[in-house]
């Protein structure tokens, strides 16, 4: 499967190293500070893997820039 099209669930976010609660992720999304979810069904959402990885990479870059 192409990584650009791969989706991750709420549970998968934790395995990727994102320790936030689902409510906090929703707040970050609403503020435009986290990738937007994809509505898969009435009660099911996911995020694009590539967008989440980009978001993590941005956090690391901000950390590294602050340490200089």
N, C-alpha and C. Protein backbone atom coordinates (compact mmCIF):
# COMPACT_ATOMS: atom_id res chain seq x y z
N UNK A 1 0.84 -1.19 0.00
CA UNK A 1 0.00 0.00 0.00
C UNK A 1 0.89 1.25 0.00
N UNK A 2 0.50 2.24 -0.75
CA UNK A 2 1.25 3.48 -0.79
C UNK A 2 1.10 4.21 0.53
N UNK A 3 2.22 4.72 1.06
CA UNK A 3 2.17 5.43 2.33
C UNK A 3 1.29 6.66 2.28
N UNK A 4 1.22 7.31 1.12
CA UNK A 4 0.39 8.50 1.00
C UNK A 4 -1.08 8.20 1.21
N UNK A 5 -1.49 6.97 0.93
CA UNK A 5 -2.90 6.61 1.05
C UNK A 5 -3.19 5.82 2.31
N UNK A 6 -2.17 5.47 3.07
CA UNK A 6 -2.36 4.69 4.28
C UNK A 6 -3.01 5.54 5.36
N UNK A 7 -3.91 4.94 6.12
CA UNK A 7 -4.60 5.63 7.20
C UNK A 7 -4.21 5.02 8.54
N UNK A 8 -4.27 5.85 9.59
CA UNK A 8 -4.01 5.37 10.95
C UNK A 8 -5.21 5.68 11.83
N UNK A 9 -5.51 4.77 12.73
CA UNK A 9 -6.64 4.92 13.64
C UNK A 9 -6.21 5.68 14.90
N UNK A 10 -7.17 5.92 15.78
CA UNK A 10 -6.86 6.54 17.07
C UNK A 10 -5.81 5.72 17.80
N UNK A 11 -6.00 4.42 17.83
CA UNK A 11 -5.07 3.53 18.51
C UNK A 11 -3.68 3.60 17.87
N UNK A 12 -3.64 3.67 16.55
CA UNK A 12 -2.37 3.75 15.84
C UNK A 12 -1.60 5.02 16.18
N UNK A 13 -2.31 6.11 16.47
CA UNK A 13 -1.63 7.35 16.84
C UNK A 13 -0.74 7.11 18.06
N UNK A 14 -1.22 6.36 19.02
CA UNK A 14 -0.42 6.05 20.22
C UNK A 14 0.82 5.25 19.85
N UNK A 15 0.68 4.28 18.94
CA UNK A 15 1.82 3.46 18.56
C UNK A 15 2.85 4.27 17.77
N UNK A 16 2.41 5.37 17.16
CA UNK A 16 3.34 6.24 16.44
C UNK A 16 4.04 7.21 17.39
N UNK A 17 3.68 7.16 18.67
CA UNK A 17 4.35 8.00 19.65
C UNK A 17 3.62 9.27 20.01
N UNK A 18 2.34 9.38 19.66
CA UNK A 18 1.56 10.56 20.00
C UNK A 18 0.76 10.25 21.27
N UNK A 19 1.16 10.82 22.40
CA UNK A 19 0.56 10.44 23.68
C UNK A 19 -0.70 11.19 24.07
N UNK A 20 -1.26 11.99 23.16
CA UNK A 20 -2.40 12.83 23.51
C UNK A 20 -3.70 12.04 23.59
N UNK A 21 -4.62 12.55 24.41
CA UNK A 21 -5.96 11.97 24.47
C UNK A 21 -6.70 12.34 23.19
N UNK A 22 -7.77 11.61 22.91
CA UNK A 22 -8.55 11.88 21.71
C UNK A 22 -9.17 13.28 21.78
N UNK A 23 -9.58 13.71 22.96
CA UNK A 23 -10.15 15.05 23.12
C UNK A 23 -9.11 16.12 22.80
N UNK A 24 -7.88 15.92 23.23
CA UNK A 24 -6.83 16.91 22.95
C UNK A 24 -6.50 16.94 21.46
N UNK A 25 -6.49 15.79 20.83
CA UNK A 25 -6.26 15.74 19.39
C UNK A 25 -7.36 16.51 18.66
N UNK A 26 -8.60 16.36 19.11
CA UNK A 26 -9.71 17.09 18.50
C UNK A 26 -9.52 18.60 18.67
N UNK A 27 -9.04 19.03 19.84
CA UNK A 27 -8.77 20.46 20.06
C UNK A 27 -7.67 20.96 19.13
N UNK A 28 -6.61 20.17 18.99
CA UNK A 28 -5.52 20.56 18.09
C UNK A 28 -6.01 20.65 16.64
N UNK A 29 -6.83 19.70 16.24
CA UNK A 29 -7.40 19.74 14.89
C UNK A 29 -8.22 21.01 14.68
N UNK A 30 -9.07 21.33 15.64
CA UNK A 30 -9.93 22.51 15.53
C UNK A 30 -9.11 23.79 15.43
N UNK A 31 -7.94 23.79 16.07
CA UNK A 31 -7.06 24.96 16.05
C UNK A 31 -6.13 24.95 14.82
N UNK A 32 -6.22 23.92 13.98
CA UNK A 32 -5.37 23.82 12.81
C UNK A 32 -3.95 23.41 13.14
N UNK A 33 -3.75 22.75 14.29
CA UNK A 33 -2.42 22.37 14.74
C UNK A 33 -2.16 20.87 14.67
N UNK A 34 -3.04 20.14 14.04
CA UNK A 34 -2.90 18.70 13.86
C UNK A 34 -3.62 18.35 12.56
N UNK A 35 -3.15 17.34 11.84
CA UNK A 35 -3.82 16.97 10.59
C UNK A 35 -5.31 16.68 10.80
N UNK A 36 -6.10 17.01 9.81
CA UNK A 36 -7.54 16.77 9.86
C UNK A 36 -7.83 15.29 9.68
N UNK A 37 -8.83 14.82 10.40
CA UNK A 37 -9.24 13.43 10.31
C UNK A 37 -10.03 13.17 9.03
N UNK A 38 -10.09 11.91 8.66
CA UNK A 38 -10.89 11.45 7.54
C UNK A 38 -12.06 10.68 8.13
N UNK A 39 -13.27 11.09 7.82
CA UNK A 39 -14.46 10.41 8.33
C UNK A 39 -14.70 9.17 7.47
N UNK A 40 -14.55 8.00 8.05
CA UNK A 40 -14.70 6.74 7.31
C UNK A 40 -16.12 6.19 7.40
N UNK A 41 -16.78 6.51 8.46
CA UNK A 41 -18.14 6.05 8.70
C UNK A 41 -18.75 6.91 9.77
N UNK A 42 -19.93 6.56 10.19
CA UNK A 42 -20.63 7.37 11.19
C UNK A 42 -19.84 7.49 12.49
N UNK A 43 -19.20 6.42 12.90
CA UNK A 43 -18.47 6.42 14.18
C UNK A 43 -17.00 6.03 14.02
N UNK A 44 -16.45 6.22 12.83
CA UNK A 44 -15.08 5.78 12.59
C UNK A 44 -14.30 6.87 11.87
N UNK A 45 -13.15 7.22 12.45
CA UNK A 45 -12.27 8.21 11.82
C UNK A 45 -10.85 7.67 11.75
N UNK A 46 -10.05 8.29 10.90
CA UNK A 46 -8.64 7.94 10.78
C UNK A 46 -7.91 9.18 10.27
N UNK A 47 -6.59 9.09 10.26
CA UNK A 47 -5.75 10.18 9.77
C UNK A 47 -4.83 9.62 8.71
N UNK A 48 -4.44 10.46 7.77
CA UNK A 48 -3.49 10.04 6.75
C UNK A 48 -2.12 9.88 7.39
N UNK A 49 -1.54 8.72 7.21
CA UNK A 49 -0.24 8.39 7.81
C UNK A 49 0.81 9.44 7.46
N UNK A 50 0.91 9.79 6.18
CA UNK A 50 1.95 10.73 5.75
C UNK A 50 1.79 12.09 6.44
N UNK A 51 0.56 12.55 6.63
CA UNK A 51 0.33 13.84 7.29
C UNK A 51 0.72 13.78 8.76
N UNK A 52 0.44 12.66 9.41
CA UNK A 52 0.80 12.52 10.82
C UNK A 52 2.33 12.47 10.97
N UNK A 53 3.00 11.74 10.09
CA UNK A 53 4.46 11.67 10.14
C UNK A 53 5.06 13.05 9.88
N UNK A 54 4.50 13.80 8.93
CA UNK A 54 4.97 15.17 8.68
C UNK A 54 4.80 16.03 9.92
N UNK A 55 3.69 15.87 10.62
CA UNK A 55 3.42 16.64 11.84
C UNK A 55 4.47 16.31 12.90
N UNK A 56 4.79 15.03 13.06
CA UNK A 56 5.81 14.62 14.03
C UNK A 56 7.16 15.23 13.64
N UNK A 57 7.50 15.15 12.36
CA UNK A 57 8.77 15.70 11.88
C UNK A 57 8.86 17.21 12.14
N UNK A 58 7.74 17.91 12.00
CA UNK A 58 7.71 19.36 12.30
C UNK A 58 8.00 19.62 13.77
N UNK A 59 7.45 18.79 14.66
CA UNK A 59 7.71 18.96 16.10
C UNK A 59 9.18 18.76 16.40
N UNK A 60 9.79 17.76 15.77
CA UNK A 60 11.22 17.49 15.98
C UNK A 60 12.05 18.66 15.45
N UNK A 61 11.69 19.19 14.29
CA UNK A 61 12.42 20.32 13.71
C UNK A 61 12.31 21.55 14.62
N UNK A 62 11.15 21.79 15.20
CA UNK A 62 10.98 22.91 16.13
C UNK A 62 11.87 22.73 17.36
N UNK A 63 11.91 21.51 17.86
CA UNK A 63 12.77 21.21 19.00
C UNK A 63 14.23 21.47 18.67
N UNK A 64 14.66 20.97 17.51
CA UNK A 64 16.05 21.11 17.11
C UNK A 64 16.42 22.57 16.88
N UNK A 65 15.51 23.35 16.32
CA UNK A 65 15.76 24.77 16.08
C UNK A 65 15.87 25.54 17.40
N UNK A 66 15.09 25.13 18.38
CA UNK A 66 15.11 25.80 19.69
C UNK A 66 16.41 25.50 20.46
N UNK A 67 17.05 24.39 20.17
CA UNK A 67 18.28 24.00 20.86
C UNK A 67 19.51 24.66 20.28
N UNK A 68 19.36 25.35 19.19
CA UNK A 68 20.54 26.00 18.55
C UNK A 68 20.83 27.32 19.18
